[in-house]
Amino acid sequence: MTSGTIRYWAAAKEAAGTAEESVEGETLEAVLKSVRDKRSGDDRLSRILERSSFLVDGAPVGTRAHSEVRITQGSVIEVLPPFAGG
Protein backbone atom coordinates (compact mmCIF):
# COMPACT_ATOMS: atom_id res chain seq x y z
CA MET A 1 0.00 0.00 0.00
CA THR A 2 1.22 3.48 -0.88
CA SER A 3 1.63 5.85 2.06
CA GLY A 4 1.97 9.60 2.26
CA THR A 5 0.91 12.64 4.26
CA ILE A 6 -2.24 14.72 4.12
CA ARG A 7 -2.04 18.32 5.32
CA TYR A 8 -5.10 20.25 6.35
CA TRP A 9 -5.43 24.03 6.15
CA ALA A 10 -7.86 26.51 7.74
CA ALA A 11 -11.32 25.01 8.38
CA ALA A 12 -10.15 21.55 7.29
CA LYS A 13 -7.46 21.62 9.99
CA GLU A 14 -10.03 22.50 12.62
CA ALA A 15 -12.48 19.81 11.47
CA ALA A 16 -9.75 17.15 11.26
CA GLY A 17 -8.40 18.05 14.68
CA THR A 18 -4.83 17.95 13.36
CA ALA A 19 -2.61 19.79 10.91
CA GLU A 20 -1.47 16.61 9.17
CA GLU A 21 -1.60 12.84 9.34
CA SER A 22 -0.21 9.79 7.61
CA VAL A 23 -2.48 8.20 5.02
CA GLU A 24 -2.51 5.20 2.72
CA GLY A 25 -4.08 4.73 -0.68
CA GLU A 26 -3.30 4.34 -4.36
CA THR A 27 -5.51 7.26 -5.48
CA LEU A 28 -6.74 10.53 -4.05
CA GLU A 29 -10.22 9.01 -3.91
CA ALA A 30 -8.97 6.13 -1.72
CA VAL A 31 -7.08 8.49 0.60
CA LEU A 32 -10.11 10.74 1.08
CA LYS A 33 -12.33 7.73 1.75
CA SER A 34 -9.97 6.50 4.47
CA VAL A 35 -9.88 9.98 6.04
CA ARG A 36 -13.70 10.09 6.07
CA ASP A 37 -13.94 6.55 7.45
CA LYS A 38 -11.68 7.45 10.39
CA ARG A 39 -14.22 10.09 11.40
CA SER A 40 -17.40 8.21 10.57
CA GLY A 41 -19.34 9.70 13.49
CA ASP A 42 -18.49 13.31 12.60
CA ASP A 43 -19.26 14.64 9.14
CA ARG A 44 -17.69 18.12 9.54
CA LEU A 45 -14.50 17.17 7.70
CA SER A 46 -16.42 15.28 5.04
CA ARG A 47 -18.52 18.37 4.25
CA ILE A 48 -15.36 20.49 3.97
CA LEU A 49 -13.62 17.94 1.74
CA GLU A 50 -16.56 18.12 -0.69
CA ARG A 51 -15.87 21.84 -1.24
CA SER A 52 -12.07 21.81 -1.05
CA SER A 53 -9.34 22.06 -3.64
CA PHE A 54 -6.39 19.67 -3.50
CA LEU A 55 -2.72 19.73 -4.35
CA VAL A 56 -0.80 16.47 -4.74
CA ASP A 57 2.95 16.96 -4.52
CA GLY A 58 2.44 20.65 -5.27
CA ALA A 59 0.36 20.11 -8.42
CA PRO A 60 -3.29 21.22 -8.46
CA VAL A 61 -5.81 18.41 -8.91
CA GLY A 62 -8.28 20.78 -10.56
CA THR A 63 -11.28 19.07 -12.13
CA ARG A 64 -9.63 15.65 -12.57
CA ALA A 65 -11.58 12.75 -11.10
CA HIS A 66 -10.12 11.83 -7.71
CA SER A 67 -10.12 8.19 -8.80
CA GLU A 68 -7.64 9.11 -11.56
CA VAL A 69 -5.20 11.05 -9.36
CA ARG A 70 -2.44 8.58 -8.48
CA ILE A 71 -0.67 8.77 -5.13
CA THR A 72 2.98 7.72 -5.04
CA GLN A 73 5.05 6.64 -2.05
CA GLY A 74 5.70 9.71 0.10
CA SER A 75 3.16 11.95 -1.63
CA VAL A 76 1.96 15.06 0.15
CA ILE A 77 -1.70 15.96 -0.27
CA GLU A 78 -2.76 19.49 0.66
CA VAL A 79 -6.43 20.16 1.51
CA LEU A 80 -7.38 23.75 0.70
CA PRO A 81 -10.89 24.63 1.81
CA PRO A 82 -12.62 27.65 0.30
CA PHE A 83 -11.31 30.80 1.93
CA ALA A 84 -13.56 33.65 3.02
CA GLY A 85 -12.85 37.23 2.19
CA GLY A 86 -12.41 39.19 -0.94
PDB file of N, CA and C in Angstrom:
ATOM      1  N   MET A   1       0.850  -1.179   0.000  1.00  0.00           N
ATOM      2  CA  MET A   1       0.000   0.000   0.000  1.00  0.00           C
ATOM      3  C   MET A   1       0.889   1.233   0.000  1.00  0.00           C
ATOM      4  N   THR A   2       0.490   2.220  -0.773  1.00  0.00           N
ATOM      5  CA  THR A   2       1.223   3.476  -0.876  1.00  0.00           C
ATOM      6  C   THR A   2       0.883   4.373   0.309  1.00  0.00           C
ATOM      7  N   SER A   3       1.887   4.967   0.921  1.00  0.00           N
ATOM      8  CA  SER A   3       1.633   5.852   2.062  1.00  0.00           C
ATOM      9  C   SER A   3       2.191   7.238   1.788  1.00  0.00           C
ATOM     10  N   GLY A   4       1.552   8.217   2.413  1.00  0.00           N
ATOM     11  CA  GLY A   4       1.968   9.601   2.265  1.00  0.00           C
ATOM     12  C   GLY A   4       1.449  10.414   3.437  1.00  0.00           C
ATOM     13  N   THR A   5       1.361  11.717   3.219  1.00  0.00           N
ATOM     14  CA  THR A   5       0.914  12.642   4.257  1.00  0.00           C
ATOM     15  C   THR A   5      -0.184  13.524   3.688  1.00  0.00           C
ATOM     16  N   ILE A   6      -1.214  13.760   4.499  1.00  0.00           N
ATOM     17  CA  ILE A   6      -2.242  14.721   4.123  1.00  0.00           C
ATOM     18  C   ILE A   6      -2.135  15.895   5.085  1.00  0.00           C
ATOM     19  N   ARG A   7      -2.132  17.098   4.520  1.00  0.00           N
ATOM     20  CA  ARG A   7      -2.035  18.319   5.320  1.00  0.00           C
ATOM     21  C   ARG A   7      -3.337  19.091   5.186  1.00  0.00           C
ATOM     22  N   TYR A   8      -3.847  19.510   6.317  1.00  0.00           N
ATOM     23  CA  TYR A   8      -5.104  20.248   6.350  1.00  0.00           C
ATOM     24  C   TYR A   8      -4.831  21.715   6.626  1.00  0.00           C
ATOM     25  N   TRP A   9      -5.566  22.588   5.957  1.00  0.00           N
ATOM     26  CA  TRP A   9      -5.428  24.027   6.149  1.00  0.00           C
ATOM     27  C   TRP A   9      -6.764  24.629   6.562  1.00  0.00           C
ATOM     28  N   ALA A  10      -6.696  25.688   7.343  1.00  0.00           N
ATOM     29  CA  ALA A  10      -7.858  26.505   7.738  1.00  0.00           C
ATOM     30  C   ALA A  10      -8.963  25.641   8.345  1.00  0.00           C
ATOM     31  N   ALA A  11     -10.168  25.725   7.812  1.00  0.00           N
ATOM     32  CA  ALA A  11     -11.318  25.011   8.383  1.00  0.00           C
ATOM     33  C   ALA A  11     -11.125  23.493   8.351  1.00  0.00           C
ATOM     34  N   ALA A  12     -10.400  22.992   7.361  1.00  0.00           N
ATOM     35  CA  ALA A  12     -10.150  21.549   7.292  1.00  0.00           C
ATOM     36  C   ALA A  12      -9.290  21.105   8.469  1.00  0.00           C
ATOM     37  N   LYS A  13      -8.324  21.925   8.838  1.00  0.00           N
ATOM     38  CA  LYS A  13      -7.459  21.620   9.988  1.00  0.00           C
ATOM     39  C   LYS A  13      -8.279  21.552  11.267  1.00  0.00           C
ATOM     40  N   GLU A  14      -9.181  22.494  11.433  1.00  0.00           N
ATOM     41  CA  GLU A  14     -10.033  22.501  12.621  1.00  0.00           C
ATOM     42  C   GLU A  14     -10.948  21.276  12.646  1.00  0.00           C
ATOM     43  N   ALA A  15     -11.564  20.952  11.528  1.00  0.00           N
ATOM     44  CA  ALA A  15     -12.478  19.808  11.468  1.00  0.00           C
ATOM     45  C   ALA A  15     -11.745  18.482  11.651  1.00  0.00           C
ATOM     46  N   ALA A  16     -10.525  18.387  11.136  1.00  0.00           N
ATOM     47  CA  ALA A  16      -9.746  17.149  11.261  1.00  0.00           C
ATOM     48  C   ALA A  16      -9.164  16.986  12.661  1.00  0.00           C
ATOM     49  N   GLY A  17      -8.980  18.111  13.351  1.00  0.00           N
ATOM     50  CA  GLY A  17      -8.396  18.053  14.684  1.00  0.00           C
ATOM     51  C   GLY A  17      -6.886  17.872  14.664  1.00  0.00           C
ATOM     52  N   THR A  18      -6.280  18.088  13.508  1.00  0.00           N
ATOM     53  CA  THR A  18      -4.831  17.946  13.359  1.00  0.00           C
ATOM     54  C   THR A  18      -4.394  18.709  12.115  1.00  0.00           C
ATOM     55  N   ALA A  19      -3.139  19.089  12.075  1.00  0.00           N
ATOM     56  CA  ALA A  19      -2.614  19.789  10.907  1.00  0.00           C
ATOM     57  C   ALA A  19      -2.226  18.816   9.791  1.00  0.00           C
ATOM     58  N   GLU A  20      -1.824  17.613  10.173  1.00  0.00           N
ATOM     59  CA  GLU A  20      -1.466  16.605   9.174  1.00  0.00           C
ATOM     60  C   GLU A  20      -1.507  15.224   9.782  1.00  0.00           C
ATOM     61  N   GLU A  21      -1.608  14.233   8.891  1.00  0.00           N
ATOM     62  CA  GLU A  21      -1.598  12.842   9.339  1.00  0.00           C
ATOM     63  C   GLU A  21      -1.102  11.946   8.215  1.00  0.00           C
ATOM     64  N   SER A  22      -0.641  10.785   8.586  1.00  0.00           N
ATOM     65  CA  SER A  22      -0.215   9.786   7.609  1.00  0.00           C
ATOM     66  C   SER A  22      -1.444   9.124   7.008  1.00  0.00           C
ATOM     67  N   VAL A  23      -1.365   8.835   5.718  1.00  0.00           N
ATOM     68  CA  VAL A  23      -2.482   8.202   5.015  1.00  0.00           C
ATOM     69  C   VAL A  23      -1.954   7.115   4.095  1.00  0.00           C
ATOM     70  N   GLU A  24      -2.847   6.242   3.678  1.00  0.00           N
ATOM     71  CA  GLU A  24      -2.513   5.196   2.720  1.00  0.00           C
ATOM     72  C   GLU A  24      -3.574   5.156   1.642  1.00  0.00           C
ATOM     73  N   GLY A  25      -3.149   4.858   0.432  1.00  0.00           N
ATOM     74  CA  GLY A  25      -4.082   4.728  -0.679  1.00  0.00           C
ATOM     75  C   GLY A  25      -3.358   4.894  -1.995  1.00  0.00           C
ATOM     76  N   GLU A  26      -3.900   4.292  -3.029  1.00  0.00           N
ATOM     77  CA  GLU A  26      -3.303   4.340  -4.361  1.00  0.00           C
ATOM     78  C   GLU A  26      -3.780   5.559  -5.162  1.00  0.00           C
ATOM     79  N   THR A  27      -4.947   6.104  -4.774  1.00  0.00           N
ATOM     80  CA  THR A  27      -5.510   7.259  -5.476  1.00  0.00           C
ATOM     81  C   THR A  27      -5.974   8.291  -4.448  1.00  0.00           C
ATOM     82  N   LEU A  28      -6.205   9.502  -4.920  1.00  0.00           N
ATOM     83  CA  LEU A  28      -6.740  10.534  -4.045  1.00  0.00           C
ATOM     84  C   LEU A  28      -8.105  10.112  -3.513  1.00  0.00           C
ATOM     85  N   GLU A  29      -8.902   9.489  -4.338  1.00  0.00           N
ATOM     86  CA  GLU A  29     -10.219   9.006  -3.912  1.00  0.00           C
ATOM     87  C   GLU A  29     -10.094   8.044  -2.726  1.00  0.00           C
ATOM     88  N   ALA A  30      -9.170   7.106  -2.792  1.00  0.00           N
ATOM     89  CA  ALA A  30      -8.975   6.131  -1.718  1.00  0.00           C
ATOM     90  C   ALA A  30      -8.486   6.802  -0.441  1.00  0.00           C
ATOM     91  N   VAL A  31      -7.584   7.769  -0.572  1.00  0.00           N
ATOM     92  CA  VAL A  31      -7.080   8.489   0.597  1.00  0.00           C
ATOM     93  C   VAL A  31      -8.212   9.247   1.270  1.00  0.00           C
ATOM     94  N   LEU A  32      -9.013   9.966   0.494  1.00  0.00           N
ATOM     95  CA  LEU A  32     -10.110  10.739   1.080  1.00  0.00           C
ATOM     96  C   LEU A  32     -11.156   9.840   1.724  1.00  0.00           C
ATOM     97  N   LYS A  33     -11.393   8.681   1.138  1.00  0.00           N
ATOM     98  CA  LYS A  33     -12.329   7.731   1.747  1.00  0.00           C
ATOM     99  C   LYS A  33     -11.807   7.265   3.096  1.00  0.00           C
ATOM    100  N   SER A  34     -10.519   6.970   3.191  1.00  0.00           N
ATOM    101  CA  SER A  34      -9.970   6.504   4.467  1.00  0.00           C
ATOM    102  C   SER A  34     -10.023   7.600   5.522  1.00  0.00           C
ATOM    103  N   VAL A  35      -9.799   8.848   5.110  1.00  0.00           N
ATOM    104  CA  VAL A  35      -9.883   9.983   6.043  1.00  0.00           C
ATOM    105  C   VAL A  35     -11.310  10.122   6.563  1.00  0.00           C
ATOM    106  N   ARG A  36     -12.284  10.005   5.658  1.00  0.00           N
ATOM    107  CA  ARG A  36     -13.698  10.088   6.067  1.00  0.00           C
ATOM    108  C   ARG A  36     -14.072   8.930   6.989  1.00  0.00           C
ATOM    109  N   ASP A  37     -13.609   7.735   6.653  1.00  0.00           N
ATOM    110  CA  ASP A  37     -13.944   6.547   7.448  1.00  0.00           C
ATOM    111  C   ASP A  37     -13.409   6.645   8.875  1.00  0.00           C
ATOM    112  N   LYS A  38     -12.254   7.291   9.051  1.00  0.00           N
ATOM    113  CA  LYS A  38     -11.680   7.455  10.390  1.00  0.00           C
ATOM    114  C   LYS A  38     -12.578   8.302  11.283  1.00  0.00           C
ATOM    115  N   ARG A  39     -13.364   9.154  10.658  1.00  0.00           N
ATOM    116  CA  ARG A  39     -14.217  10.093  11.402  1.00  0.00           C
ATOM    117  C   ARG A  39     -15.679   9.833  11.093  1.00  0.00           C
ATOM    118  N   SER A  40     -16.062   8.581  11.022  1.00  0.00           N
ATOM    119  CA  SER A  40     -17.397   8.209  10.574  1.00  0.00           C
ATOM    120  C   SER A  40     -18.532   8.804  11.410  1.00  0.00           C
ATOM    121  N   GLY A  41     -18.291   9.132  12.656  1.00  0.00           N
ATOM    122  CA  GLY A  41     -19.341   9.695  13.492  1.00  0.00           C
ATOM    123  C   GLY A  41     -19.441  11.205  13.424  1.00  0.00           C
ATOM    124  N   ASP A  42     -18.558  11.848  12.663  1.00  0.00           N
ATOM    125  CA  ASP A  42     -18.490  13.308  12.604  1.00  0.00           C
ATOM    126  C   ASP A  42     -18.316  13.711  11.141  1.00  0.00           C
ATOM    127  N   ASP A  43     -19.322  14.334  10.564  1.00  0.00           N
ATOM    128  CA  ASP A  43     -19.264  14.644   9.137  1.00  0.00           C
ATOM    129  C   ASP A  43     -18.727  16.047   8.816  1.00  0.00           C
ATOM    130  N   ARG A  44     -18.204  16.768   9.796  1.00  0.00           N
ATOM    131  CA  ARG A  44     -17.687  18.123   9.537  1.00  0.00           C
ATOM    132  C   ARG A  44     -16.579  18.107   8.490  1.00  0.00           C
ATOM    133  N   LEU A  45     -15.602  17.224   8.656  1.00  0.00           N
ATOM    134  CA  LEU A  45     -14.497  17.167   7.703  1.00  0.00           C
ATOM    135  C   LEU A  45     -14.999  16.720   6.332  1.00  0.00           C
ATOM    136  N   SER A  46     -15.883  15.766   6.312  1.00  0.00           N
ATOM    137  CA  SER A  46     -16.417  15.277   5.043  1.00  0.00           C
ATOM    138  C   SER A  46     -17.085  16.400   4.256  1.00  0.00           C
ATOM    139  N   ARG A  47     -17.852  17.242   4.924  1.00  0.00           N
ATOM    140  CA  ARG A  47     -18.516  18.370   4.255  1.00  0.00           C
ATOM    141  C   ARG A  47     -17.481  19.352   3.702  1.00  0.00           C
ATOM    142  N   ILE A  48     -16.406  19.579   4.440  1.00  0.00           N
ATOM    143  CA  ILE A  48     -15.355  20.485   3.975  1.00  0.00           C
ATOM    144  C   ILE A  48     -14.611  19.879   2.790  1.00  0.00           C
ATOM    145  N   LEU A  49     -14.331  18.587   2.837  1.00  0.00           N
ATOM    146  CA  LEU A  49     -13.623  17.936   1.738  1.00  0.00           C
ATOM    147  C   LEU A  49     -14.402  18.039   0.430  1.00  0.00           C
ATOM    148  N   GLU A  50     -15.723  18.020   0.511  1.00  0.00           N
ATOM    149  CA  GLU A  50     -16.563  18.116  -0.688  1.00  0.00           C
ATOM    150  C   GLU A  50     -16.369  19.446  -1.408  1.00  0.00           C
ATOM    151  N   ARG A  51     -16.002  20.495  -0.673  1.00  0.00           N
ATOM    152  CA  ARG A  51     -15.874  21.837  -1.241  1.00  0.00           C
ATOM    153  C   ARG A  51     -14.413  22.264  -1.439  1.00  0.00           C
ATOM    154  N   SER A  52     -13.484  21.424  -1.055  1.00  0.00           N
ATOM    155  CA  SER A  52     -12.068  21.809  -1.049  1.00  0.00           C
ATOM    156  C   SER A  52     -11.389  21.592  -2.391  1.00  0.00           C
ATOM    157  N   SER A  53     -10.277  22.295  -2.542  1.00  0.00           N
ATOM    158  CA  SER A  53      -9.341  22.058  -3.640  1.00  0.00           C
ATOM    159  C   SER A  53      -8.186  21.243  -3.073  1.00  0.00           C
ATOM    160  N   PHE A  54      -7.475  20.542  -3.951  1.00  0.00           N
ATOM    161  CA  PHE A  54      -6.391  19.674  -3.500  1.00  0.00           C
ATOM    162  C   PHE A  54      -5.145  19.901  -4.345  1.00  0.00           C
ATOM    163  N   LEU A  55      -4.008  19.790  -3.682  1.00  0.00           N
ATOM    164  CA  LEU A  55      -2.716  19.729  -4.348  1.00  0.00           C
ATOM    165  C   LEU A  55      -2.111  18.373  -4.009  1.00  0.00           C
ATOM    166  N   VAL A  56      -1.532  17.724  -4.983  1.00  0.00           N
ATOM    167  CA  VAL A  56      -0.800  16.474  -4.743  1.00  0.00           C
ATOM    168  C   VAL A  56       0.629  16.718  -5.204  1.00  0.00           C
ATOM    169  N   ASP A  57       1.535  16.677  -4.262  1.00  0.00           N
ATOM    170  CA  ASP A  57       2.949  16.960  -4.519  1.00  0.00           C
ATOM    171  C   ASP A  57       3.122  18.311  -5.216  1.00  0.00           C
ATOM    172  N   GLY A  58       2.333  19.283  -4.767  1.00  0.00           N
ATOM    173  CA  GLY A  58       2.442  20.650  -5.273  1.00  0.00           C
ATOM    174  C   GLY A  58       1.666  20.942  -6.541  1.00  0.00           C
ATOM    175  N   ALA A  59       1.102  19.917  -7.166  1.00  0.00           N
ATOM    176  CA  ALA A  59       0.359  20.107  -8.416  1.00  0.00           C
ATOM    177  C   ALA A  59      -1.142  20.148  -8.138  1.00  0.00           C
ATOM    178  N   PRO A  60      -1.850  21.152  -8.674  1.00  0.00           N
ATOM    179  CA  PRO A  60      -3.293  21.223  -8.462  1.00  0.00           C
ATOM    180  C   PRO A  60      -4.012  20.039  -9.101  1.00  0.00           C
ATOM    181  N   VAL A  61      -4.989  19.504  -8.387  1.00  0.00           N
ATOM    182  CA  VAL A  61      -5.810  18.411  -8.912  1.00  0.00           C
ATOM    183  C   VAL A  61      -6.812  18.962  -9.918  1.00  0.00           C
ATOM    184  N   GLY A  62      -7.325  20.162  -9.649  1.00  0.00           N
ATOM    185  CA  GLY A  62      -8.281  20.779 -10.561  1.00  0.00           C
ATOM    186  C   GLY A  62      -9.549  19.957 -10.676  1.00  0.00           C
ATOM    187  N   THR A  63     -10.015  19.769 -11.897  1.00  0.00           N
ATOM    188  CA  THR A  63     -11.279  19.067 -12.130  1.00  0.00           C
ATOM    189  C   THR A  63     -11.091  17.578 -12.419  1.00  0.00           C
ATOM    190  N   ARG A  64      -9.855  17.090 -12.318  1.00  0.00           N
ATOM    191  CA  ARG A  64      -9.628  15.649 -12.565  1.00  0.00           C
ATOM    192  C   ARG A  64     -10.395  14.810 -11.556  1.00  0.00           C
ATOM    193  N   ALA A  65     -10.895  13.687 -11.994  1.00  0.00           N
ATOM    194  CA  ALA A  65     -11.581  12.752 -11.097  1.00  0.00           C
ATOM    195  C   ALA A  65     -10.587  12.262 -10.051  1.00  0.00           C
ATOM    196  N   HIS A  66     -11.008  12.261  -8.799  1.00  0.00           N
ATOM    197  CA  HIS A  66     -10.120  11.833  -7.713  1.00  0.00           C
ATOM    198  C   HIS A  66      -9.680  10.387  -7.883  1.00  0.00           C
ATOM    199  N   SER A  67     -10.482   9.586  -8.553  1.00  0.00           N
ATOM    200  CA  SER A  67     -10.119   8.185  -8.800  1.00  0.00           C
ATOM    201  C   SER A  67      -8.970   8.067  -9.800  1.00  0.00           C
ATOM    202  N   GLU A  68      -8.694   9.130 -10.554  1.00  0.00           N
ATOM    203  CA  GLU A  68      -7.636   9.111 -11.565  1.00  0.00           C
ATOM    204  C   GLU A  68      -6.344   9.768 -11.085  1.00  0.00           C
ATOM    205  N   VAL A  69      -6.374  10.365  -9.897  1.00  0.00           N
ATOM    206  CA  VAL A  69      -5.195  11.047  -9.364  1.00  0.00           C
ATOM    207  C   VAL A  69      -4.395  10.032  -8.554  1.00  0.00           C
ATOM    208  N   ARG A  70      -3.270   9.596  -9.111  1.00  0.00           N
ATOM    209  CA  ARG A  70      -2.436   8.576  -8.482  1.00  0.00           C
ATOM    210  C   ARG A  70      -1.622   9.173  -7.339  1.00  0.00           C
ATOM    211  N   ILE A  71      -1.490   8.408  -6.272  1.00  0.00           N
ATOM    212  CA  ILE A  71      -0.666   8.766  -5.131  1.00  0.00           C
ATOM    213  C   ILE A  71       0.577   7.877  -5.177  1.00  0.00           C
ATOM    214  N   THR A  72       1.734   8.487  -5.041  1.00  0.00           N
ATOM    215  CA  THR A  72       2.976   7.720  -5.035  1.00  0.00           C
ATOM    216  C   THR A  72       3.526   7.676  -3.609  1.00  0.00           C
ATOM    217  N   GLN A  73       4.445   6.773  -3.374  1.00  0.00           N
ATOM    218  CA  GLN A  73       5.053   6.643  -2.051  1.00  0.00           C
ATOM    219  C   GLN A  73       5.624   7.986  -1.612  1.00  0.00           C
ATOM    220  N   GLY A  74       5.198   8.455  -0.442  1.00  0.00           N
ATOM    221  CA  GLY A  74       5.699   9.709   0.100  1.00  0.00           C
ATOM    222  C   GLY A  74       4.971  10.954  -0.381  1.00  0.00           C
ATOM    223  N   SER A  75       3.910  10.791  -1.142  1.00  0.00           N
ATOM    224  CA  SER A  75       3.160  11.948  -1.633  1.00  0.00           C
ATOM    225  C   SER A  75       2.672  12.821  -0.492  1.00  0.00           C
ATOM    226  N   VAL A  76       2.545  14.113  -0.785  1.00  0.00           N
ATOM    227  CA  VAL A  76       1.961  15.064   0.149  1.00  0.00           C
ATOM    228  C   VAL A  76       0.703  15.627  -0.501  1.00  0.00           C
ATOM    229  N   ILE A  77      -0.405  15.477   0.193  1.00  0.00           N
ATOM    230  CA  ILE A  77      -1.700  15.964  -0.269  1.00  0.00           C
ATOM    231  C   ILE A  77      -2.073  17.156   0.587  1.00  0.00           C
ATOM    232  N   GLU A  78      -2.360  18.277  -0.048  1.00  0.00           N
ATOM    233  CA  GLU A  78      -2.764  19.492   0.662  1.00  0.00           C
ATOM    234  C   GLU A  78      -4.263  19.676   0.459  1.00  0.00           C
ATOM    235  N   VAL A  79      -4.994  19.902   1.561  1.00  0.00           N
ATOM    236  CA  VAL A  79      -6.432  20.160   1.511  1.00  0.00           C
ATOM    237  C   VAL A  79      -6.637  21.657   1.706  1.00  0.00           C
ATOM    238  N   LEU A  80      -7.178  22.310   0.687  1.00  0.00           N
ATOM    239  CA  LEU A  80      -7.375  23.752   0.704  1.00  0.00           C
ATOM    240  C   LEU A  80      -8.869  24.066   0.658  1.00  0.00           C
ATOM    241  N   PRO A  81      -9.469  24.299   1.812  1.00  0.00           N
ATOM    242  CA  PRO A  81     -10.890  24.631   1.811  1.00  0.00           C
ATOM    243  C   PRO A  81     -11.108  26.011   1.200  1.00  0.00           C
ATOM    244  N   PRO A  82     -12.354  26.305   0.811  1.00  0.00           N
ATOM    245  CA  PRO A  82     -12.620  27.646   0.303  1.00  0.00           C
ATOM    246  C   PRO A  82     -12.304  28.675   1.380  1.00  0.00           C
ATOM    247  N   PHE A  83     -11.677  29.757   0.989  1.00  0.00           N
ATOM    248  CA  PHE A  83     -11.311  30.805   1.928  1.00  0.00           C
ATOM    249  C   PHE A  83     -12.319  31.937   1.838  1.00  0.00           C
ATOM    250  N   ALA A  84     -12.646  32.517   2.977  1.00  0.00           N
ATOM    251  CA  ALA A  84     -13.556  33.651   3.017  1.00  0.00           C
ATOM    252  C   ALA A  84     -12.777  34.932   2.740  1.00  0.00           C
ATOM    253  N   GLY A  85     -13.494  35.934   2.396  1.00  0.00           N
ATOM    254  CA  GLY A  85     -12.854  37.230   2.185  1.00  0.00           C
ATOM    255  C   GLY A  85     -12.951  37.659   0.749  1.00  0.00           C
ATOM    256  N   GLY A  86     -12.339  38.756   0.446  1.00  0.00           N
ATOM    257  CA  GLY A  86     -12.408  39.186  -0.941  1.00  0.00           C
ATOM    258  C   GLY A  86     -11.831  40.525  -1.180  1.00  0.00           C
TER     259      GLY A  86
END
